[in-house]
């Protein structure tokens, strides 16, 4: 039982690492697909910016910003870009007392957007929440691989082991940041199947870099790990 618990913790750490690497992209040309409507974290002690991609519209998108400073005061940038230009911005200022702001932007059509967040060295805890006609990225579900016709007796394999192997093979054939993110998210379902982790509710991960990730376990269907 003890060894199973150790393995469970190891798999969760692998998942958190895979999510953390890609959940905070600093590359505008390769933003992180937004998988939750709330982004929470804490300043890195230096000026830093993050980019996220998502689809929204038509209709009114509500952006709720909460920000506080670690010490003194802090400034942040919250900006939205469409394919051509900046369409929305709010630049909150805060002290060690949290600042709360609610802003709205109306979109005339459904369109892909880029969210840019920038924080200075004094930034403390922050939360950016999007609501309205916003589409979030979902974990990729890999189709089950067809098995060749049996030519002889094969060792028995449990269904959970088979699912994990199928996911690992499919993800190995992929490349790029999105596949790493999916392997980190999808591993949680396999952990749940093998070790009793709930398959519904929200898994709350607090990473070492101060960021926080919430994973909707009900959306996770397969699990895999790609060796880096």
Protein backbone atom coordinates (compact mmCIF):
# COMPACT_ATOMS: atom_id res chain seq x y z
CA UNK A 1 0.00 0.00 0.00
CA UNK A 2 2.83 2.39 0.87
CA UNK A 3 4.56 1.80 -2.47
CA UNK A 4 1.29 2.48 -4.32
CA UNK A 5 0.90 5.80 -2.53
CA UNK A 6 4.47 6.77 -3.40
CA UNK A 7 3.80 5.96 -7.05
CA UNK A 8 0.60 8.03 -6.94
CA UNK A 9 2.50 11.05 -5.64
CA UNK A 10 5.20 10.56 -8.27
CA UNK A 11 2.66 10.53 -11.10
CA UNK A 12 0.97 13.65 -9.76
CA UNK A 13 4.32 15.43 -9.63
CA UNK A 14 4.99 14.43 -13.25
CA UNK A 15 1.57 15.80 -14.22
CA UNK A 16 2.15 19.05 -12.35
CA UNK A 17 5.53 19.51 -14.03
CA UNK A 18 4.12 18.94 -17.49
CA UNK A 19 1.28 21.37 -16.82
CA UNK A 20 3.52 24.00 -15.24
CA UNK A 21 5.94 24.08 -18.17
CA UNK A 22 3.25 24.93 -20.68
CA UNK A 23 0.56 26.62 -18.62
CA UNK A 24 2.56 29.87 -18.47
CA UNK A 25 3.83 30.50 -22.00
CA UNK A 26 5.96 33.61 -22.42
CA UNK A 27 5.98 33.25 -26.21
CA UNK A 28 3.36 35.37 -27.98
CA UNK A 29 3.66 33.20 -31.10
CA UNK A 30 2.98 30.04 -29.10
CA UNK A 31 0.48 30.97 -26.37
CA UNK A 32 -0.92 28.47 -23.90
CA UNK A 33 -4.43 27.20 -24.79
CA UNK A 34 -6.62 28.43 -21.96
CA UNK A 35 -8.04 25.36 -20.16
CA UNK A 36 -9.78 27.12 -17.24
CA UNK A 37 -11.71 30.37 -17.03
CA UNK A 38 -9.65 31.57 -14.05
CA UNK A 39 -5.89 32.14 -14.03
CA UNK A 40 -4.40 32.36 -10.54
CA UNK A 41 -0.81 32.82 -9.47
CA UNK A 42 1.74 34.97 -7.72
CA UNK A 43 4.37 37.37 -9.02
CA UNK A 44 7.80 35.97 -9.90
CA UNK A 45 9.78 38.74 -8.20
CA UNK A 46 10.71 40.20 -11.59
CA UNK A 47 8.94 41.70 -14.59
CA UNK A 48 7.32 38.88 -16.53
CA UNK A 49 4.56 38.35 -19.08
CA UNK A 50 2.39 35.40 -20.10
CA UNK A 51 0.28 34.63 -23.19
CA UNK A 52 -2.89 32.53 -23.49
CA UNK A 53 -5.11 31.68 -26.46
CA UNK A 54 -8.85 31.03 -26.49
CA UNK A 55 -11.96 31.58 -28.59
CA UNK A 56 -14.78 33.91 -27.57
CA UNK A 57 -17.90 35.66 -28.87
CA UNK A 58 -20.24 36.80 -30.04
CA UNK A 59 -21.49 38.73 -27.01
CA UNK A 60 -20.14 40.35 -23.87
CA UNK A 61 -17.02 38.92 -22.23
CA UNK A 62 -16.56 39.91 -18.58
CA UNK A 63 -13.01 40.13 -17.24
CA UNK A 64 -12.56 40.19 -13.46
CA UNK A 65 -9.13 41.19 -12.15
CA UNK A 66 -7.88 40.78 -8.57
CA UNK A 67 -4.36 41.93 -7.76
CA UNK A 68 -2.26 42.75 -4.71
CA UNK A 69 1.35 43.75 -4.14
CA UNK A 70 3.91 41.78 -2.14
CA UNK A 71 5.11 45.12 -0.76
CA UNK A 72 4.50 48.76 -1.61
CA UNK A 73 2.54 48.99 -4.86
CA UNK A 74 2.37 47.09 -8.13
CA UNK A 75 1.09 47.53 -11.70
CA UNK A 76 -0.12 44.94 -14.19
CA UNK A 77 -1.23 44.75 -17.83
CA UNK A 78 -4.27 42.75 -18.93
CA UNK A 79 -4.72 42.95 -22.70
CA UNK A 80 -6.76 41.17 -25.39
CA UNK A 81 -5.72 40.92 -29.03
CA UNK A 82 -7.63 39.71 -32.05
CA UNK A 83 -5.96 38.74 -35.33
CA UNK A 84 -5.15 42.38 -36.16
CA UNK A 85 -4.79 44.55 -33.07
CA UNK A 86 -5.39 45.17 -29.38
CA UNK A 87 -9.14 45.26 -28.67
CA UNK A 88 -9.18 45.56 -24.87
CA UNK A 89 -6.94 46.57 -22.00
CA UNK A 90 -7.02 47.25 -18.28
CA UNK A 91 -3.98 48.31 -16.27
CA UNK A 92 -4.73 47.73 -12.59
CA UNK A 93 -2.72 49.29 -9.76
CA UNK A 94 -2.67 47.73 -6.30
CA UNK A 95 -1.05 47.93 -2.91
CA UNK A 96 -0.78 45.18 -0.31
CA UNK A 97 -4.56 45.48 -0.09
CA UNK A 98 -6.12 43.55 -2.98
CA UNK A 99 -7.50 45.60 -5.87
CA UNK A 100 -10.69 44.31 -7.56
CA UNK A 101 -11.86 45.41 -11.01
CA UNK A 102 -14.57 44.18 -13.39
CA UNK A 103 -14.36 45.17 -17.06
CA UNK A 104 -16.37 44.18 -20.13
CA UNK A 105 -15.73 43.89 -23.85
CA UNK A 106 -18.34 43.17 -26.54
CA UNK A 107 -17.42 40.93 -29.45
CA UNK A 108 -19.45 41.07 -32.65
CA UNK A 109 -18.47 37.56 -33.78
CA UNK A 110 -16.85 34.36 -32.61
CA UNK A 111 -13.10 34.73 -32.97
CA UNK A 112 -9.72 33.53 -31.66
CA UNK A 113 -8.08 35.84 -29.13
CA UNK A 114 -4.77 36.24 -27.35
CA UNK A 115 -4.68 37.23 -23.67
CA UNK A 116 -1.51 38.98 -22.48
CA UNK A 117 -0.73 39.31 -18.77
CA UNK A 118 2.24 41.32 -17.57
CA UNK A 119 3.37 41.76 -13.96
CA UNK A 120 6.15 43.82 -12.41
CA UNK A 121 8.61 42.70 -9.74
CA UNK A 122 6.31 43.79 -6.90
CA UNK A 123 3.31 41.72 -7.96
CA UNK A 124 1.85 39.39 -5.35
CA UNK A 125 -1.19 37.15 -5.71
CA UNK A 126 -3.38 37.69 -8.76
CA UNK A 127 -6.52 36.24 -10.32
CA UNK A 128 -7.86 36.85 -13.85
CA UNK A 129 -11.33 35.43 -14.51
CA UNK A 130 -13.10 35.32 -17.88
CA UNK A 131 -16.85 34.76 -18.16
CA UNK A 132 -19.41 35.00 -20.91
CA UNK A 133 -19.19 33.35 -24.38
CA UNK A 134 -15.70 31.91 -23.81
CA UNK A 135 -14.60 28.52 -25.17
CA UNK A 136 -11.90 26.72 -23.19
CA UNK A 137 -9.41 24.15 -24.45
CA UNK A 138 -10.29 20.54 -23.59
CA UNK A 139 -7.88 17.59 -23.17
CA UNK A 140 -7.33 15.68 -26.39
CA UNK A 141 -8.88 12.21 -26.37
CA UNK A 142 -6.87 9.74 -28.41
CA UNK A 143 -8.75 7.03 -30.35
CA UNK A 144 -8.08 3.49 -29.18
CA UNK A 145 -5.54 1.71 -31.37
CA UNK A 146 -6.86 -1.37 -33.19
CA UNK A 147 -5.21 -4.60 -32.12
CA UNK A 148 -3.79 -7.09 -34.64
CA UNK A 149 -5.42 -10.48 -34.97
CA UNK A 150 -4.28 -12.91 -32.29
CA UNK A 151 -1.77 -15.50 -33.51
CA UNK A 152 -1.28 -17.19 -30.18
CA UNK A 153 -1.90 -16.88 -26.50
CA UNK A 154 -0.89 -13.48 -25.14
CA UNK A 155 -0.28 -12.43 -21.51
CA UNK A 156 -3.37 -10.93 -19.87
CA UNK A 157 -3.37 -7.14 -19.60
CA UNK A 158 -5.70 -5.12 -17.41
CA UNK A 159 -7.94 -2.55 -19.10
CA UNK A 160 -6.32 0.31 -17.18
CA UNK A 161 -2.82 -0.77 -18.29
CA UNK A 162 -4.01 -1.07 -21.88
CA UNK A 163 -5.54 2.43 -21.84
CA UNK A 164 -2.36 3.94 -20.40
CA UNK A 165 -0.19 2.18 -23.01
CA UNK A 166 -2.44 3.36 -25.85
CA UNK A 167 -2.26 6.97 -24.63
CA UNK A 168 1.53 6.81 -24.25
CA UNK A 169 1.97 5.47 -27.82
CA UNK A 170 -0.26 8.17 -29.27
CA UNK A 171 1.45 10.99 -27.39
CA UNK A 172 4.94 9.75 -28.33
CA UNK A 173 4.01 10.22 -31.97
CA UNK A 174 3.16 13.86 -31.27
CA UNK A 175 5.49 16.83 -30.88
CA UNK A 176 5.16 20.37 -29.57
CA UNK A 177 3.97 22.05 -26.40
CA UNK A 178 0.34 21.08 -26.74
CA UNK A 179 1.11 17.34 -26.55
CA UNK A 180 3.17 17.90 -23.38
CA UNK A 181 0.27 19.75 -21.81
CA UNK A 182 -2.18 17.00 -22.75
CA UNK A 183 0.07 14.28 -21.36
CA UNK A 184 0.24 16.18 -18.07
CA UNK A 185 -3.51 16.64 -17.87
CA UNK A 186 -4.52 13.22 -19.14
CA UNK A 187 -2.32 11.31 -16.71
CA UNK A 188 -4.67 12.27 -13.91
CA UNK A 189 -7.41 9.93 -15.16
CA UNK A 190 -5.08 6.93 -15.14
CA UNK A 191 -3.94 7.82 -11.64
CA UNK A 192 -7.58 8.00 -10.57
CA UNK A 193 -8.37 4.60 -12.09
CA UNK A 194 -5.38 2.89 -10.52
CA UNK A 195 -5.24 4.59 -7.14
CA UNK A 196 -8.72 5.86 -6.32
CA UNK A 197 -8.29 9.55 -7.26
CA UNK A 198 -11.79 10.98 -7.88
CA UNK A 199 -12.84 11.26 -11.51
CA UNK A 200 -15.08 14.24 -10.83
CA UNK A 201 -14.49 17.58 -9.18
CA UNK A 202 -11.50 19.91 -9.51
CA UNK A 203 -7.87 18.99 -8.79
CA UNK A 204 -6.06 22.01 -7.33
CA UNK A 205 -2.31 22.10 -8.06
CA UNK A 206 -0.03 24.71 -6.43
CA UNK A 207 3.28 24.74 -8.32
CA UNK A 208 6.72 25.73 -7.06
CA UNK A 209 6.85 28.83 -9.28
CA UNK A 210 3.84 30.25 -7.42
CA UNK A 211 1.24 29.51 -10.10
CA UNK A 212 -1.94 27.61 -9.41
CA UNK A 213 -3.71 25.24 -11.80
CA UNK A 214 -7.24 23.83 -11.46
CA UNK A 215 -8.00 20.65 -13.47
CA UNK A 216 -11.60 19.54 -14.09
CA UNK A 217 -11.32 15.80 -13.50
CA UNK A 218 -14.66 15.08 -15.18
CA UNK A 219 -13.17 16.11 -18.56
CA UNK A 220 -10.16 13.78 -18.35
CA UNK A 221 -10.56 10.45 -20.16
CA UNK A 222 -7.13 8.99 -20.94
CA UNK A 223 -3.66 9.11 -19.42
CA UNK A 224 -0.14 9.06 -20.81
CA UNK A 225 3.39 10.20 -20.06
CA UNK A 226 5.89 11.25 -22.71
CA UNK A 227 9.51 10.92 -21.62
CA UNK A 228 11.36 14.21 -22.18
